[in-house]
Amino acid sequence: MDKILQAVGVIRELDRESKSHELPIQVVSLFLYIASRNNCNKQSAEDALLMSKASASRNTDWLSRTHYNGRPGLNLIRKEVDPFDRRKSTLRLTRKGRDLVEKLTSILYD
């Protein structure tokens, strides 16, 4: 349990750095889903996490470089639109996202 608490502390620190102080658990869940399935599509995340399209879009924006109204996001993922079907997006970790995964993995498994 202490390791989980430490991992949550790392995620909360990201929230403090972004000055939002309101990071929803849905955003954290989505990040963990993407981290465990890098290069997944948004539809699979919606289905697995039982999120509506609107909720998944809002949460992926939060994890991306720019959140709503031009506010900075966490810059942990990139959304890449499928050039053959613009309704589909692939979700990939950024360098910052991969660094966070390494930090969380170190806490949980070392």
C-alpha atoms as a PDB file:
ATOM      1  CA  MET A   1       0.000   0.000   0.000  1.00  0.00           C
ATOM      2  CA  ASP A   2       2.875   2.394   0.725  1.00  0.00           C
ATOM      3  CA  LYS A   3       4.141   1.956  -2.835  1.00  0.00           C
ATOM      4  CA  ILE A   4       0.719   2.800  -4.258  1.00  0.00           C
ATOM      5  CA  LEU A   5       0.579   5.837  -1.993  1.00  0.00           C
ATOM      6  CA  GLN A   6       4.010   6.946  -3.268  1.00  0.00           C
ATOM      7  CA  ALA A   7       2.864   6.479  -6.888  1.00  0.00           C
ATOM      8  CA  VAL A   8      -0.253   8.547  -6.221  1.00  0.00           C
ATOM      9  CA  GLY A   9       2.001  11.216  -4.684  1.00  0.00           C
ATOM     10  CA  VAL A  10       3.991  11.423  -7.923  1.00  0.00           C
ATOM     11  CA  ILE A  11       0.788  11.910  -9.899  1.00  0.00           C
ATOM     12  CA  ARG A  12      -0.481  14.519  -7.421  1.00  0.00           C
ATOM     13  CA  GLU A  13       2.810  16.394  -7.823  1.00  0.00           C
ATOM     14  CA  LEU A  14       2.137  16.634 -11.572  1.00  0.00           C
ATOM     15  CA  ASP A  15      -1.259  18.101 -10.752  1.00  0.00           C
ATOM     16  CA  ARG A  16       0.331  20.658  -8.425  1.00  0.00           C
ATOM     17  CA  GLU A  17       2.899  21.592 -11.085  1.00  0.00           C
ATOM     18  CA  SER A  18       0.113  22.195 -13.594  1.00  0.00           C
ATOM     19  CA  LYS A  19      -1.609  24.390 -10.996  1.00  0.00           C
ATOM     20  CA  SER A  20      -4.953  22.692 -11.575  1.00  0.00           C
ATOM     21  CA  HIS A  21      -5.252  21.009  -8.159  1.00  0.00           C
ATOM     22  CA  GLU A  22      -8.282  19.147  -9.449  1.00  0.00           C
ATOM     23  CA  LEU A  23      -7.038  16.166 -11.464  1.00  0.00           C
ATOM     24  CA  PRO A  24      -9.969  13.735 -11.791  1.00  0.00           C
ATOM     25  CA  ILE A  25      -9.455  10.012 -11.269  1.00  0.00           C
ATOM     26  CA  GLN A  26     -10.803   9.463 -14.811  1.00  0.00           C
ATOM     27  CA  VAL A  27      -7.780  11.321 -16.195  1.00  0.00           C
ATOM     28  CA  VAL A  28      -5.434   9.189 -14.098  1.00  0.00           C
ATOM     29  CA  SER A  29      -7.225   5.998 -15.193  1.00  0.00           C
ATOM     30  CA  LEU A  30      -6.981   7.027 -18.829  1.00  0.00           C
ATOM     31  CA  PHE A  31      -3.272   7.787 -18.490  1.00  0.00           C
ATOM     32  CA  LEU A  32      -2.648   4.370 -16.916  1.00  0.00           C
ATOM     33  CA  TYR A  33      -4.640   2.682 -19.694  1.00  0.00           C
ATOM     34  CA  ILE A  34      -2.614   4.471 -22.382  1.00  0.00           C
ATOM     35  CA  ALA A  35       0.652   3.780 -20.534  1.00  0.00           C
ATOM     36  CA  SER A  36      -0.061   0.057 -20.461  1.00  0.00           C
ATOM     37  CA  ARG A  37      -1.118   0.016 -24.143  1.00  0.00           C
ATOM     38  CA  ASN A  38       0.985   2.733 -25.793  1.00  0.00           C
ATOM     39  CA  ASN A  39      -0.216   3.534 -29.325  1.00  0.00           C
ATOM     40  CA  CYS A  40      -3.774   2.468 -28.533  1.00  0.00           C
ATOM     41  CA  ASN A  41      -6.786   4.005 -30.169  1.00  0.00           C
ATOM     42  CA  LYS A  42      -9.167   6.318 -28.363  1.00  0.00           C
ATOM     43  CA  GLN A  43     -12.176   4.092 -29.053  1.00  0.00           C
ATOM     44  CA  SER A  44     -10.602   1.141 -27.218  1.00  0.00           C
ATOM     45  CA  ALA A  45      -9.913   3.377 -24.204  1.00  0.00           C
ATOM     46  CA  GLU A  46     -13.518   4.629 -24.241  1.00  0.00           C
ATOM     47  CA  ASP A  47     -14.819   1.069 -24.323  1.00  0.00           C
ATOM     48  CA  ALA A  48     -12.468  -0.295 -21.661  1.00  0.00           C
ATOM     49  CA  LEU A  49     -13.015   2.590 -19.238  1.00  0.00           C
ATOM     50  CA  LEU A  50     -16.739   3.018 -19.995  1.00  0.00           C
ATOM     51  CA  MET A  51     -16.268   6.662 -21.003  1.00  0.00           C
ATOM     52  CA  SER A  52     -18.427   8.607 -23.390  1.00  0.00           C
ATOM     53  CA  LYS A  53     -16.740  10.103 -26.458  1.00  0.00           C
ATOM     54  CA  ALA A  54     -17.081  13.566 -24.911  1.00  0.00           C
ATOM     55  CA  SER A  55     -15.530  12.471 -21.617  1.00  0.00           C
ATOM     56  CA  ALA A  56     -12.669  10.665 -23.362  1.00  0.00           C
ATOM     57  CA  SER A  57     -11.994  13.731 -25.521  1.00  0.00           C
ATOM     58  CA  ARG A  58     -12.003  16.049 -22.513  1.00  0.00           C
ATOM     59  CA  ASN A  59      -9.703  13.713 -20.562  1.00  0.00           C
ATOM     60  CA  THR A  60      -7.280  13.149 -23.446  1.00  0.00           C
ATOM     61  CA  ASP A  61      -7.117  16.931 -23.885  1.00  0.00           C
ATOM     62  CA  TRP A  62      -6.136  17.205 -20.216  1.00  0.00           C
ATOM     63  CA  LEU A  63      -3.352  14.667 -20.793  1.00  0.00           C
ATOM     64  CA  SER A  64      -2.227  16.408 -24.002  1.00  0.00           C
ATOM     65  CA  ARG A  65      -0.232  19.591 -24.459  1.00  0.00           C
ATOM     66  CA  THR A  66      -3.266  21.911 -24.447  1.00  0.00           C
ATOM     67  CA  HIS A  67      -6.316  21.515 -22.247  1.00  0.00           C
ATOM     68  CA  TYR A  68      -9.595  23.388 -22.825  1.00  0.00           C
ATOM     69  CA  ASN A  69      -9.678  27.156 -23.404  1.00  0.00           C
ATOM     70  CA  GLY A  70      -5.976  27.113 -24.271  1.00  0.00           C
ATOM     71  CA  ARG A  71      -4.948  26.154 -20.745  1.00  0.00           C
ATOM     72  CA  PRO A  72      -1.807  24.025 -20.620  1.00  0.00           C
ATOM     73  CA  GLY A  73      -2.404  20.307 -20.314  1.00  0.00           C
ATOM     74  CA  LEU A  74      -0.112  17.774 -18.665  1.00  0.00           C
ATOM     75  CA  ASN A  75       1.716  16.957 -21.948  1.00  0.00           C
ATOM     76  CA  LEU A  76       1.837  13.233 -21.136  1.00  0.00           C
ATOM     77  CA  ILE A  77       0.285  12.013 -24.408  1.00  0.00           C
ATOM     78  CA  ARG A  78      -0.082  12.960 -28.060  1.00  0.00           C
ATOM     79  CA  LYS A  79      -3.298  12.446 -29.987  1.00  0.00           C
ATOM     80  CA  GLU A  80      -2.639  11.582 -33.611  1.00  0.00           C
ATOM     81  CA  VAL A  81      -5.573  11.655 -36.005  1.00  0.00           C
ATOM     82  CA  ASP A  82      -5.855   8.671 -38.352  1.00  0.00           C
ATOM     83  CA  PRO A  83      -5.228  10.102 -41.853  1.00  0.00           C
ATOM     84  CA  PHE A  84      -7.682   7.577 -43.351  1.00  0.00           C
ATOM     85  CA  ASP A  85     -10.491   8.145 -40.849  1.00  0.00           C
ATOM     86  CA  ARG A  86     -10.415  11.531 -39.108  1.00  0.00           C
ATOM     87  CA  ARG A  87     -12.909  10.274 -36.500  1.00  0.00           C
ATOM     88  CA  LYS A  88     -10.230   7.958 -35.063  1.00  0.00           C
ATOM     89  CA  SER A  89      -7.225   8.917 -32.939  1.00  0.00           C
ATOM     90  CA  THR A  90      -4.151   7.042 -31.781  1.00  0.00           C
ATOM     91  CA  LEU A  91      -2.910   7.863 -28.282  1.00  0.00           C
ATOM     92  CA  ARG A  92       0.864   7.838 -27.711  1.00  0.00           C
ATOM     93  CA  LEU A  93       3.003   8.726 -24.718  1.00  0.00           C
ATOM     94  CA  THR A  94       5.247  11.763 -24.957  1.00  0.00           C
ATOM     95  CA  ARG A  95       8.758  11.728 -23.511  1.00  0.00           C
ATOM     96  CA  LYS A  96       7.307  13.239 -20.327  1.00  0.00           C
ATOM     97  CA  GLY A  97       4.680  10.482 -20.253  1.00  0.00           C
ATOM     98  CA  ARG A  98       7.307   7.763 -20.687  1.00  0.00           C
ATOM     99  CA  ASP A  99       9.382   9.351 -17.908  1.00  0.00           C
ATOM    100  CA  LEU A 100       6.348   9.256 -15.604  1.00  0.00           C
ATOM    101  CA  VAL A 101       5.767   5.583 -16.447  1.00  0.00           C
ATOM    102  CA  GLU A 102       9.404   4.816 -15.591  1.00  0.00           C
ATOM    103  CA  LYS A 103       9.102   6.668 -12.285  1.00  0.00           C
ATOM    104  CA  LEU A 104       5.849   4.876 -11.356  1.00  0.00           C
ATOM    105  CA  THR A 105       7.262   1.500 -12.400  1.00  0.00           C
ATOM    106  CA  SER A 106      10.355   2.106 -10.285  1.00  0.00           C
ATOM    107  CA  ILE A 107       8.233   2.922  -7.246  1.00  0.00           C
ATOM    108  CA  LEU A 108       5.924  -0.060  -7.670  1.00  0.00           C
ATOM    109  CA  TYR A 109       8.410  -2.755  -8.681  1.00  0.00           C
ATOM    110  CA  ASP A 110      11.807  -1.901  -7.181  1.00  0.00           C
END
